[in-house]
Amino acid sequence: MIRSLFFAPANRHDLLAKFPRFRADCYAIDLEDGTPEGDKASARDRLNEAVTMLRREKLRGSIYIRVNEAASQHYIRDIEAAVLCDIDGLIIPKLETRDQLFPVDHAITQAEAAQPGRRRIEIMAGIESMRGVIDAVPLCAAHPRITSAFFGAEDFAADIGGRRTKSGEEVLYARSQVVLAAKAARIIALDQAVVEIRDDEQFRRDAEKGRDLGYQGKICVVPRQVELSNEIYAPTTDEVAHARELIAVYEDAKRCGIGTIDFKGHMIDGPLLKRAEAVVAMAQQLQARG
């Protein structure tokens, strides 16, 4: 479960040190967009120091490192440095071909062989370009280590030459394509960032739309968005109570040989039961986390 993915630049250890305050489900140390070109090498050299610092804090969420895109001179060196750290996963931005994962798989396999018993390194796929969106279905299923994927609307809009609007209608097809591909691959789907960082209502509208589309969490670029995303992508108390009641009533009906019921004015059958069960399961997972 990743309701919130929060980024901070790899060259800013002062900002990384604040991660424990924000209660994100996933934290990303960003070597890519957040780190200026002139600081990328030094930030890469200090990755292990940053991860060690965060592990001492016993973060509740997972720790990922976002490397630079495959077309950059930093890609291989970023991967080789990142897999030596005690991380949960790598974020591969602008993934477009299965071939781009070959050096990732090689480096991870070597690192795990050299350190038996270390935590398994997973891959988060960034689908952020025209080619990535077009091939999203095979990309999300391109490797067994891929456990999540996100849609990068800003990079996609720049690639296609479009304008970004608050309605988001211009990226709705691509946004839908990515969530569909992720769900088909049975991996976590994370939604686009909202760059209007002082507009909580815009973030809420966009996140609720993403949840309606099937996304399970969202990229967060400022701490306030983490709090909002955790709230929006979790069931409310009323939703959980409604789901539990629906399940109980439906189970009673099934015992009487009835497969479709009228529940508070709604026709309920198998698909709606699955949705209710998913709500209850998520509530139980959150309760177990504390």
C-alpha atoms as a PDB file:
ATOM      1  CA  MET A   1       0.000   0.000   0.000  1.00  0.00           C
ATOM      2  CA  ILE A   2       1.453   3.345  -1.087  1.00  0.00           C
ATOM      3  CA  ARG A   3      -0.987   6.202  -0.564  1.00  0.00           C
ATOM      4  CA  SER A   4       1.731   8.857  -0.675  1.00  0.00           C
ATOM      5  CA  LEU A   5       5.099   8.989  -2.457  1.00  0.00           C
ATOM      6  CA  PHE A   6       7.151  11.937  -1.192  1.00  0.00           C
ATOM      7  CA  PHE A   7      10.294  13.191  -2.958  1.00  0.00           C
ATOM      8  CA  ALA A   8      13.272  15.192  -1.707  1.00  0.00           C
ATOM      9  CA  PRO A   9      16.494  16.007  -3.610  1.00  0.00           C
ATOM     10  CA  ALA A  10      19.426  13.680  -2.975  1.00  0.00           C
ATOM     11  CA  ASN A  11      21.805  16.623  -2.602  1.00  0.00           C
ATOM     12  CA  ARG A  12      19.759  18.161   0.234  1.00  0.00           C
ATOM     13  CA  HIS A  13      20.474  16.079   3.342  1.00  0.00           C
ATOM     14  CA  ASP A  14      18.851  18.803   5.438  1.00  0.00           C
ATOM     15  CA  LEU A  15      15.543  18.087   3.681  1.00  0.00           C
ATOM     16  CA  LEU A  16      16.007  14.317   3.729  1.00  0.00           C
ATOM     17  CA  ALA A  17      16.491  14.517   7.498  1.00  0.00           C
ATOM     18  CA  LYS A  18      12.923  15.856   7.768  1.00  0.00           C
ATOM     19  CA  PHE A  19      11.370  12.746   6.190  1.00  0.00           C
ATOM     20  CA  PRO A  20      10.334  11.221   9.560  1.00  0.00           C
ATOM     21  CA  ARG A  21       8.020  14.191  10.242  1.00  0.00           C
ATOM     22  CA  PHE A  22       5.737  13.562   7.313  1.00  0.00           C
ATOM     23  CA  ARG A  23       4.431   9.979   7.653  1.00  0.00           C
ATOM     24  CA  ALA A  24       4.510   9.148   3.962  1.00  0.00           C
ATOM     25  CA  ASP A  25       4.020   5.553   2.879  1.00  0.00           C
ATOM     26  CA  CYS A  26       7.047   5.822   0.584  1.00  0.00           C
ATOM     27  CA  TYR A  27       9.996   8.224   0.597  1.00  0.00           C
ATOM     28  CA  ALA A  28      12.076   8.882  -2.527  1.00  0.00           C
ATOM     29  CA  ILE A  29      15.629  10.196  -2.519  1.00  0.00           C
ATOM     30  CA  ASP A  30      15.732  11.960  -5.870  1.00  0.00           C
ATOM     31  CA  LEU A  31      18.860  11.949  -8.016  1.00  0.00           C
ATOM     32  CA  GLU A  32      16.898  13.023 -11.084  1.00  0.00           C
ATOM     33  CA  ASP A  33      14.838  16.217 -11.423  1.00  0.00           C
ATOM     34  CA  GLY A  34      15.367  17.424  -7.854  1.00  0.00           C
ATOM     35  CA  THR A  35      19.178  17.366  -7.980  1.00  0.00           C
ATOM     36  CA  PRO A  36      20.986  19.937 -10.172  1.00  0.00           C
ATOM     37  CA  GLU A  37      23.368  18.598 -12.799  1.00  0.00           C
ATOM     38  CA  GLY A  38      26.435  19.936 -11.015  1.00  0.00           C
ATOM     39  CA  ASP A  39      25.502  18.169  -7.765  1.00  0.00           C
ATOM     40  CA  LYS A  40      24.511  14.774  -9.148  1.00  0.00           C
ATOM     41  CA  ALA A  41      27.898  13.069  -8.729  1.00  0.00           C
ATOM     42  CA  SER A  42      28.426  14.264  -5.153  1.00  0.00           C
ATOM     43  CA  ALA A  43      24.831  13.383  -4.237  1.00  0.00           C
ATOM     44  CA  ARG A  44      25.362   9.884  -5.647  1.00  0.00           C
ATOM     45  CA  ASP A  45      28.538   9.498  -3.585  1.00  0.00           C
ATOM     46  CA  ARG A  46      26.595  10.324  -0.415  1.00  0.00           C
ATOM     47  CA  LEU A  47      23.597   8.059  -1.043  1.00  0.00           C
ATOM     48  CA  ASN A  48      24.621   5.458   1.498  1.00  0.00           C
ATOM     49  CA  GLU A  49      25.135   8.154   4.119  1.00  0.00           C
ATOM     50  CA  ALA A  50      21.617   9.468   3.480  1.00  0.00           C
ATOM     51  CA  VAL A  51      19.962   6.048   3.612  1.00  0.00           C
ATOM     52  CA  THR A  52      21.861   5.086   6.771  1.00  0.00           C
ATOM     53  CA  MET A  53      20.670   8.296   8.416  1.00  0.00           C
ATOM     54  CA  LEU A  54      17.048   7.511   7.517  1.00  0.00           C
ATOM     55  CA  ARG A  55      17.249   3.888   8.655  1.00  0.00           C
ATOM     56  CA  ARG A  56      18.390   5.083  12.080  1.00  0.00           C
ATOM     57  CA  GLU A  57      15.138   7.051  12.275  1.00  0.00           C
ATOM     58  CA  LYS A  58      13.119   3.839  11.763  1.00  0.00           C
ATOM     59  CA  LEU A  59      10.880   5.357   9.110  1.00  0.00           C
ATOM     60  CA  ARG A  60       7.419   3.875   8.938  1.00  0.00           C
ATOM     61  CA  GLY A  61       7.433   4.063   5.149  1.00  0.00           C
ATOM     62  CA  SER A  62       9.659   2.438   2.555  1.00  0.00           C
ATOM     63  CA  ILE A  63      12.773   4.105   1.098  1.00  0.00           C
ATOM     64  CA  TYR A  64      13.352   4.314  -2.658  1.00  0.00           C
ATOM     65  CA  ILE A  65      16.005   6.041  -4.751  1.00  0.00           C
ATOM     66  CA  ARG A  66      15.026   7.663  -8.053  1.00  0.00           C
ATOM     67  CA  VAL A  67      17.900   7.402 -10.513  1.00  0.00           C
ATOM     68  CA  ASN A  68      18.379   9.533 -13.599  1.00  0.00           C
ATOM     69  CA  GLU A  69      16.700   8.454 -16.836  1.00  0.00           C
ATOM     70  CA  ALA A  70      18.261   5.792 -19.035  1.00  0.00           C
ATOM     71  CA  ALA A  71      19.299   8.290 -21.702  1.00  0.00           C
ATOM     72  CA  SER A  72      21.514  10.196 -19.245  1.00  0.00           C
ATOM     73  CA  GLN A  73      25.207   9.687 -18.526  1.00  0.00           C
ATOM     74  CA  HIS A  74      24.335   9.074 -14.875  1.00  0.00           C
ATOM     75  CA  TYR A  75      21.982   6.098 -15.267  1.00  0.00           C
ATOM     76  CA  ILE A  76      24.374   3.166 -14.796  1.00  0.00           C
ATOM     77  CA  ARG A  77      26.427   4.878 -12.090  1.00  0.00           C
ATOM     78  CA  ASP A  78      23.274   5.852 -10.200  1.00  0.00           C
ATOM     79  CA  ILE A  79      22.009   2.282 -10.257  1.00  0.00           C
ATOM     80  CA  GLU A  80      25.336   0.801  -9.169  1.00  0.00           C
ATOM     81  CA  ALA A  81      25.542   3.210  -6.218  1.00  0.00           C
ATOM     82  CA  ALA A  82      21.883   2.882  -5.221  1.00  0.00           C
ATOM     83  CA  VAL A  83      21.795  -0.918  -4.986  1.00  0.00           C
ATOM     84  CA  LEU A  84      24.604  -0.855  -2.412  1.00  0.00           C
ATOM     85  CA  CYS A  85      22.318   1.067  -0.036  1.00  0.00           C
ATOM     86  CA  ASP A  86      19.793  -0.454   2.362  1.00  0.00           C
ATOM     87  CA  ILE A  87      16.786   0.558   0.259  1.00  0.00           C
ATOM     88  CA  ASP A  88      13.423  -0.970  -0.534  1.00  0.00           C
ATOM     89  CA  GLY A  89      13.426  -0.058  -4.186  1.00  0.00           C
ATOM     90  CA  LEU A  90      14.585   1.871  -7.221  1.00  0.00           C
ATOM     91  CA  ILE A  91      12.466   4.322  -9.202  1.00  0.00           C
ATOM     92  CA  ILE A  92      13.210   4.148 -12.911  1.00  0.00           C
ATOM     93  CA  PRO A  93      11.935   7.365 -14.516  1.00  0.00           C
ATOM     94  CA  LYS A  94      10.721   7.639 -18.092  1.00  0.00           C
ATOM     95  CA  LEU A  95      10.731   3.888 -18.632  1.00  0.00           C
ATOM     96  CA  GLU A  96      10.143   3.169 -22.314  1.00  0.00           C
ATOM     97  CA  THR A  97      11.645  -0.241 -23.132  1.00  0.00           C
ATOM     98  CA  ARG A  98      12.288  -3.518 -21.388  1.00  0.00           C
ATOM     99  CA  ASP A  99      15.970  -3.203 -22.374  1.00  0.00           C
ATOM    100  CA  GLN A 100      16.366  -0.267 -19.997  1.00  0.00           C
ATOM    101  CA  LEU A 101      15.829  -2.707 -17.113  1.00  0.00           C
ATOM    102  CA  PHE A 102      18.741  -5.009 -18.014  1.00  0.00           C
ATOM    103  CA  PRO A 103      21.409  -3.012 -16.122  1.00  0.00           C
ATOM    104  CA  VAL A 104      18.995  -2.600 -13.205  1.00  0.00           C
ATOM    105  CA  ASP A 105      18.380  -6.334 -12.914  1.00  0.00           C
ATOM    106  CA  HIS A 106      22.105  -7.092 -13.247  1.00  0.00           C
ATOM    107  CA  ALA A 107      23.129  -4.623 -10.544  1.00  0.00           C
ATOM    108  CA  ILE A 108      20.410  -5.711  -8.121  1.00  0.00           C
ATOM    109  CA  THR A 109      21.179  -9.406  -8.616  1.00  0.00           C
ATOM    110  CA  GLN A 110      24.864  -8.811  -7.935  1.00  0.00           C
ATOM    111  CA  ALA A 111      24.152  -6.727  -4.837  1.00  0.00           C
ATOM    112  CA  GLU A 112      21.774  -9.303  -3.389  1.00  0.00           C
ATOM    113  CA  ALA A 113      24.244 -12.127  -4.072  1.00  0.00           C
ATOM    114  CA  ALA A 114      26.996 -10.183  -2.292  1.00  0.00           C
ATOM    115  CA  GLN A 115      24.774  -9.482   0.723  1.00  0.00           C
ATOM    116  CA  PRO A 116      22.696 -12.599   1.519  1.00  0.00           C
ATOM    117  CA  GLY A 117      19.686 -11.823   3.666  1.00  0.00           C
ATOM    118  CA  ARG A 118      19.415  -8.182   2.639  1.00  0.00           C
ATOM    119  CA  ARG A 119      15.979  -6.790   1.855  1.00  0.00           C
ATOM    120  CA  ARG A 120      14.691  -7.442  -1.665  1.00  0.00           C
ATOM    121  CA  ILE A 121      14.990  -4.432  -3.967  1.00  0.00           C
ATOM    122  CA  GLU A 122      11.817  -3.669  -5.912  1.00  0.00           C
ATOM    123  CA  ILE A 123      11.318  -1.461  -8.961  1.00  0.00           C
ATOM    124  CA  MET A 124       8.852   1.393  -9.436  1.00  0.00           C
ATOM    125  CA  ALA A 125       8.282   2.215 -13.093  1.00  0.00           C
ATOM    126  CA  GLY A 126       7.833   5.827 -14.146  1.00  0.00           C
ATOM    127  CA  ILE A 127       5.491   6.043 -17.161  1.00  0.00           C
ATOM    128  CA  GLU A 128       6.078   9.623 -18.293  1.00  0.00           C
ATOM    129  CA  SER A 129       6.439   9.841 -22.056  1.00  0.00           C
ATOM    130  CA  MET A 130       4.444   9.225 -25.238  1.00  0.00           C
ATOM    131  CA  ARG A 131       6.241   5.952 -25.856  1.00  0.00           C
ATOM    132  CA  GLY A 132       5.891   4.917 -22.229  1.00  0.00           C
ATOM    133  CA  VAL A 133       2.138   5.508 -22.232  1.00  0.00           C
ATOM    134  CA  ILE A 134       1.657   3.704 -25.544  1.00  0.00           C
ATOM    135  CA  ASP A 135       3.572   0.664 -24.226  1.00  0.00           C
ATOM    136  CA  ALA A 136       2.380   0.921 -20.622  1.00  0.00           C
ATOM    137  CA  VAL A 137       0.801  -2.549 -20.548  1.00  0.00           C
ATOM    138  CA  PRO A 138       3.974  -4.523 -21.395  1.00  0.00           C
ATOM    139  CA  LEU A 139       6.160  -2.133 -19.392  1.00  0.00           C
ATOM    140  CA  CYS A 140       4.211  -2.611 -16.155  1.00  0.00           C
ATOM    141  CA  ALA A 141       4.646  -6.373 -16.552  1.00  0.00           C
ATOM    142  CA  ALA A 142       8.211  -6.209 -17.897  1.00  0.00           C
ATOM    143  CA  HIS A 143       9.964  -7.588 -14.806  1.00  0.00           C
ATOM    144  CA  PRO A 144       8.891  -9.451 -11.644  1.00  0.00           C
ATOM    145  CA  ARG A 145      10.605  -6.811  -9.484  1.00  0.00           C
ATOM    146  CA  ILE A 146       8.211  -4.117 -10.753  1.00  0.00           C
ATOM    147  CA  THR A 147       5.695  -3.755  -7.939  1.00  0.00           C
ATOM    148  CA  SER A 148       4.404  -0.245  -8.679  1.00  0.00           C
ATOM    149  CA  ALA A 149       4.142   2.348 -11.424  1.00  0.00           C
ATOM    150  CA  PHE A 150       3.323   6.036 -11.561  1.00  0.00           C
ATOM    151  CA  PHE A 151       2.043   8.396 -14.216  1.00  0.00           C
ATOM    152  CA  GLY A 152       4.188  11.505 -14.709  1.00  0.00           C
ATOM    153  CA  ALA A 153       1.839  14.061 -16.247  1.00  0.00           C
ATOM    154  CA  GLU A 154       4.278  16.966 -16.436  1.00  0.00           C
ATOM    155  CA  ASP A 155       6.922  15.035 -18.375  1.00  0.00           C
ATOM    156  CA  PHE A 156       4.231  13.497 -20.573  1.00  0.00           C
ATOM    157  CA  ALA A 157       2.765  16.910 -21.425  1.00  0.00           C
ATOM    158  CA  ALA A 158       6.234  18.253 -22.214  1.00  0.00           C
ATOM    159  CA  ASP A 159       6.953  15.245 -24.426  1.00  0.00           C
ATOM    160  CA  ILE A 160       3.719  15.537 -26.371  1.00  0.00           C
ATOM    161  CA  GLY A 161       3.871  19.341 -26.603  1.00  0.00           C
ATOM    162  CA  GLY A 162       0.573  19.916 -24.813  1.00  0.00           C
ATOM    163  CA  ARG A 163      -0.552  22.440 -22.215  1.00  0.00           C
ATOM    164  CA  ARG A 164      -1.417  21.497 -18.640  1.00  0.00           C
ATOM    165  CA  THR A 165      -4.775  22.613 -17.262  1.00  0.00           C
ATOM    166  CA  LYS A 166      -6.378  22.365 -13.847  1.00  0.00           C
ATOM    167  CA  SER A 167      -9.088  20.096 -15.237  1.00  0.00           C
ATOM    168  CA  GLY A 168      -6.494  17.580 -16.435  1.00  0.00           C
ATOM    169  CA  GLU A 169      -8.673  16.581 -19.379  1.00  0.00           C
ATOM    170  CA  GLU A 170      -5.679  16.789 -21.711  1.00  0.00           C
ATOM    171  CA  VAL A 171      -3.951  13.846 -19.944  1.00  0.00           C
ATOM    172  CA  LEU A 172      -7.034  11.811 -19.037  1.00  0.00           C
ATOM    173  CA  TYR A 173      -6.418   9.190 -21.723  1.00  0.00           C
ATOM    174  CA  ALA A 174      -2.780   8.713 -20.691  1.00  0.00           C
ATOM    175  CA  ARG A 175      -3.674   8.733 -17.005  1.00  0.00           C
ATOM    176  CA  SER A 176      -6.308   6.064 -17.611  1.00  0.00           C
ATOM    177  CA  GLN A 177      -3.934   3.999 -19.747  1.00  0.00           C
ATOM    178  CA  VAL A 178      -1.320   3.867 -16.979  1.00  0.00           C
ATOM    179  CA  VAL A 179      -3.719   2.867 -14.202  1.00  0.00           C
ATOM    180  CA  LEU A 180      -5.232   0.212 -16.455  1.00  0.00           C
ATOM    181  CA  ALA A 181      -1.772  -1.178 -17.287  1.00  0.00           C
ATOM    182  CA  ALA A 182      -0.750  -1.246 -13.634  1.00  0.00           C
ATOM    183  CA  LYS A 183      -3.933  -2.981 -12.548  1.00  0.00           C
ATOM    184  CA  ALA A 184      -3.585  -5.545 -15.353  1.00  0.00           C
ATOM    185  CA  ALA A 185      -0.085  -6.322 -14.061  1.00  0.00           C
ATOM    186  CA  ARG A 186      -1.416  -6.522 -10.475  1.00  0.00           C
ATOM    187  CA  ILE A 187       0.895  -3.770  -9.244  1.00  0.00           C
ATOM    188  CA  ILE A 188       0.300  -0.541  -7.316  1.00  0.00           C
ATOM    189  CA  ALA A 189      -0.769   2.465  -9.408  1.00  0.00           C
ATOM    190  CA  LEU A 190       0.362   5.938  -8.281  1.00  0.00           C
ATOM    191  CA  ASP A 191      -1.147   9.075  -9.756  1.00  0.00           C
ATOM    192  CA  GLN A 192       0.323  12.281 -11.161  1.00  0.00           C
ATOM    193  CA  ALA A 193       1.785  15.132  -9.137  1.00  0.00           C
ATOM    194  CA  VAL A 194      -0.054  18.403  -8.571  1.00  0.00           C
ATOM    195  CA  VAL A 195       2.382  21.302  -8.933  1.00  0.00           C
ATOM    196  CA  GLU A 196       0.019  23.977  -7.555  1.00  0.00           C
ATOM    197  CA  ILE A 197       1.648  23.499  -4.160  1.00  0.00           C
ATOM    198  CA  ARG A 198      -0.431  26.117  -2.302  1.00  0.00           C
ATOM    199  CA  ASP A 199      -3.785  24.975  -3.673  1.00  0.00           C
ATOM    200  CA  ASP A 200      -5.086  22.243  -1.369  1.00  0.00           C
ATOM    201  CA  GLU A 201      -8.465  22.172  -3.103  1.00  0.00           C
ATOM    202  CA  GLN A 202      -6.852  21.529  -6.487  1.00  0.00           C
ATOM    203  CA  PHE A 203      -4.848  18.689  -4.961  1.00  0.00           C
ATOM    204  CA  ARG A 204      -7.953  17.233  -3.324  1.00  0.00           C
ATOM    205  CA  ARG A 205      -9.990  17.378  -6.541  1.00  0.00           C
ATOM    206  CA  ASP A 206      -7.189  15.791  -8.528  1.00  0.00           C
ATOM    207  CA  ALA A 207      -6.555  13.067  -5.936  1.00  0.00           C
ATOM    208  CA  GLU A 208     -10.242  12.201  -5.656  1.00  0.00           C
ATOM    209  CA  LYS A 209     -10.425  11.936  -9.452  1.00  0.00           C
ATOM    210  CA  GLY A 210      -7.410   9.638  -9.365  1.00  0.00           C
ATOM    211  CA  ARG A 211      -9.005   7.466  -6.718  1.00  0.00           C
ATOM    212  CA  ASP A 212     -12.174   7.245  -8.845  1.00  0.00           C
ATOM    213  CA  LEU A 213     -10.009   6.100 -11.779  1.00  0.00           C
ATOM    214  CA  GLY A 214      -8.497   3.319  -9.679  1.00  0.00           C
ATOM    215  CA  TYR A 215      -5.223   4.835  -8.462  1.00  0.00           C
ATOM    216  CA  GLN A 216      -4.122   3.789  -4.976  1.00  0.00           C
ATOM    217  CA  GLY A 217      -1.891   6.730  -4.103  1.00  0.00           C
ATOM    218  CA  LYS A 218      -0.263   9.903  -5.365  1.00  0.00           C
ATOM    219  CA  ILE A 219       3.055  11.628  -5.916  1.00  0.00           C
ATOM    220  CA  CYS A 220       3.507  14.365  -3.302  1.00  0.00           C
ATOM    221  CA  VAL A 221       5.887  17.282  -3.788  1.00  0.00           C
ATOM    222  CA  VAL A 222       5.338  19.158  -0.504  1.00  0.00           C
ATOM    223  CA  PRO A 223       4.623  17.842   3.017  1.00  0.00           C
ATOM    224  CA  ARG A 224       1.024  19.101   3.122  1.00  0.00           C
ATOM    225  CA  GLN A 225       0.191  16.898   0.141  1.00  0.00           C
ATOM    226  CA  VAL A 226       1.335  13.809   2.053  1.00  0.00           C
ATOM    227  CA  GLU A 227      -1.274  14.415   4.729  1.00  0.00           C
ATOM    228  CA  LEU A 228      -4.002  15.017   2.147  1.00  0.00           C
ATOM    229  CA  SER A 229      -3.072  12.004   0.047  1.00  0.00           C
ATOM    230  CA  ASN A 230      -3.015   9.672   3.055  1.00  0.00           C
ATOM    231  CA  GLU A 231      -6.495  10.874   3.933  1.00  0.00           C
ATOM    232  CA  ILE A 232      -7.992  10.714   0.440  1.00  0.00           C
ATOM    233  CA  TYR A 233      -6.588   7.302  -0.435  1.00  0.00           C
ATOM    234  CA  ALA A 234      -7.830   5.687   2.774  1.00  0.00           C
ATOM    235  CA  PRO A 235     -11.444   4.669   3.442  1.00  0.00           C
ATOM    236  CA  THR A 236     -13.414   6.851   5.838  1.00  0.00           C
ATOM    237  CA  THR A 237     -15.031   5.468   8.976  1.00  0.00           C
ATOM    238  CA  ASP A 238     -18.430   5.670   7.273  1.00  0.00           C
ATOM    239  CA  GLU A 239     -17.139   3.847   4.183  1.00  0.00           C
ATOM    240  CA  VAL A 240     -15.758   1.030   6.308  1.00  0.00           C
ATOM    241  CA  ALA A 241     -18.976   0.711   8.312  1.00  0.00           C
ATOM    242  CA  HIS A 242     -21.030   0.689   5.097  1.00  0.00           C
ATOM    243  CA  ALA A 243     -18.767  -1.986   3.586  1.00  0.00           C
ATOM    244  CA  ARG A 244     -18.945  -4.206   6.660  1.00  0.00           C
ATOM    245  CA  GLU A 245     -22.741  -3.964   6.744  1.00  0.00           C
ATOM    246  CA  LEU A 246     -23.000  -4.700   3.023  1.00  0.00           C
ATOM    247  CA  ILE A 247     -20.805  -7.791   3.373  1.00  0.00           C
ATOM    248  CA  ALA A 248     -22.849  -9.097   6.311  1.00  0.00           C
ATOM    249  CA  VAL A 249     -26.174  -8.586   4.522  1.00  0.00           C
ATOM    250  CA  TYR A 250     -24.888 -10.148   1.313  1.00  0.00           C
ATOM    251  CA  GLU A 251     -23.508 -13.180   3.135  1.00  0.00           C
ATOM    252  CA  ASP A 252     -26.900 -13.705   4.763  1.00  0.00           C
ATOM    253  CA  ALA A 253     -28.546 -13.503   1.336  1.00  0.00           C
ATOM    254  CA  LYS A 254     -26.130 -16.041  -0.154  1.00  0.00           C
ATOM    255  CA  ARG A 255     -26.946 -18.509   2.594  1.00  0.00           C
ATOM    256  CA  CYS A 256     -30.568 -18.227   1.453  1.00  0.00           C
ATOM    257  CA  GLY A 257     -29.591 -18.881  -2.157  1.00  0.00           C
ATOM    258  CA  ILE A 258     -29.869 -15.240  -3.256  1.00  0.00           C
ATOM    259  CA  GLY A 259     -27.068 -13.771  -5.412  1.00  0.00           C
ATOM    260  CA  THR A 260     -28.376 -10.247  -5.993  1.00  0.00           C
ATOM    261  CA  ILE A 261     -29.847  -8.008  -3.294  1.00  0.00           C
ATOM    262  CA  ASP A 262     -31.307  -4.548  -2.818  1.00  0.00           C
ATOM    263  CA  PHE A 263     -29.079  -2.855  -0.258  1.00  0.00           C
ATOM    264  CA  LYS A 264     -30.225   0.655   0.645  1.00  0.00           C
ATOM    265  CA  GLY A 265     -31.538   1.265  -2.846  1.00  0.00           C
ATOM    266  CA  HIS A 266     -28.528  -0.196  -4.684  1.00  0.00           C
ATOM    267  CA  MET A 267     -28.389  -3.491  -6.533  1.00  0.00           C
ATOM    268  CA  ILE A 268     -25.568  -5.510  -4.986  1.00  0.00           C
ATOM    269  CA  ASP A 269     -23.948  -8.553  -6.530  1.00  0.00           C
ATOM    270  CA  GLY A 270     -20.462 -10.021  -6.831  1.00  0.00           C
ATOM    271  CA  PRO A 271     -18.469  -7.008  -8.166  1.00  0.00           C
ATOM    272  CA  LEU A 272     -19.792  -4.644  -5.497  1.00  0.00           C
ATOM    273  CA  LEU A 273     -19.066  -7.239  -2.846  1.00  0.00           C
ATOM    274  CA  LYS A 274     -15.435  -7.330  -4.012  1.00  0.00           C
ATOM    275  CA  ARG A 275     -15.223  -3.542  -3.685  1.00  0.00           C
ATOM    276  CA  ALA A 276     -16.603  -3.699  -0.151  1.00  0.00           C
ATOM    277  CA  GLU A 277     -14.138  -6.432   0.769  1.00  0.00           C
ATOM    278  CA  ALA A 278     -11.273  -4.303  -0.567  1.00  0.00           C
ATOM    279  CA  VAL A 279     -12.356  -1.382   1.629  1.00  0.00           C
ATOM    280  CA  VAL A 280     -12.415  -3.578   4.735  1.00  0.00           C
ATOM    281  CA  ALA A 281      -9.051  -5.137   3.864  1.00  0.00           C
ATOM    282  CA  MET A 282      -7.431  -1.715   3.505  1.00  0.00           C
ATOM    283  CA  ALA A 283      -8.901  -0.549   6.807  1.00  0.00           C
ATOM    284  CA  GLN A 284      -7.467  -3.628   8.512  1.00  0.00           C
ATOM    285  CA  GLN A 285      -4.063  -3.002   6.951  1.00  0.00           C
ATOM    286  CA  LEU A 286      -4.041   0.595   8.169  1.00  0.00           C
ATOM    287  CA  GLN A 287      -5.118  -0.479  11.642  1.00  0.00           C
ATOM    288  CA  ALA A 288      -2.296  -3.019  11.771  1.00  0.00           C
ATOM    289  CA  ARG A 289       0.209  -0.298  10.878  1.00  0.00           C
ATOM    290  CA  GLY A 290      -0.973   1.819  13.792  1.00  0.00           C
END
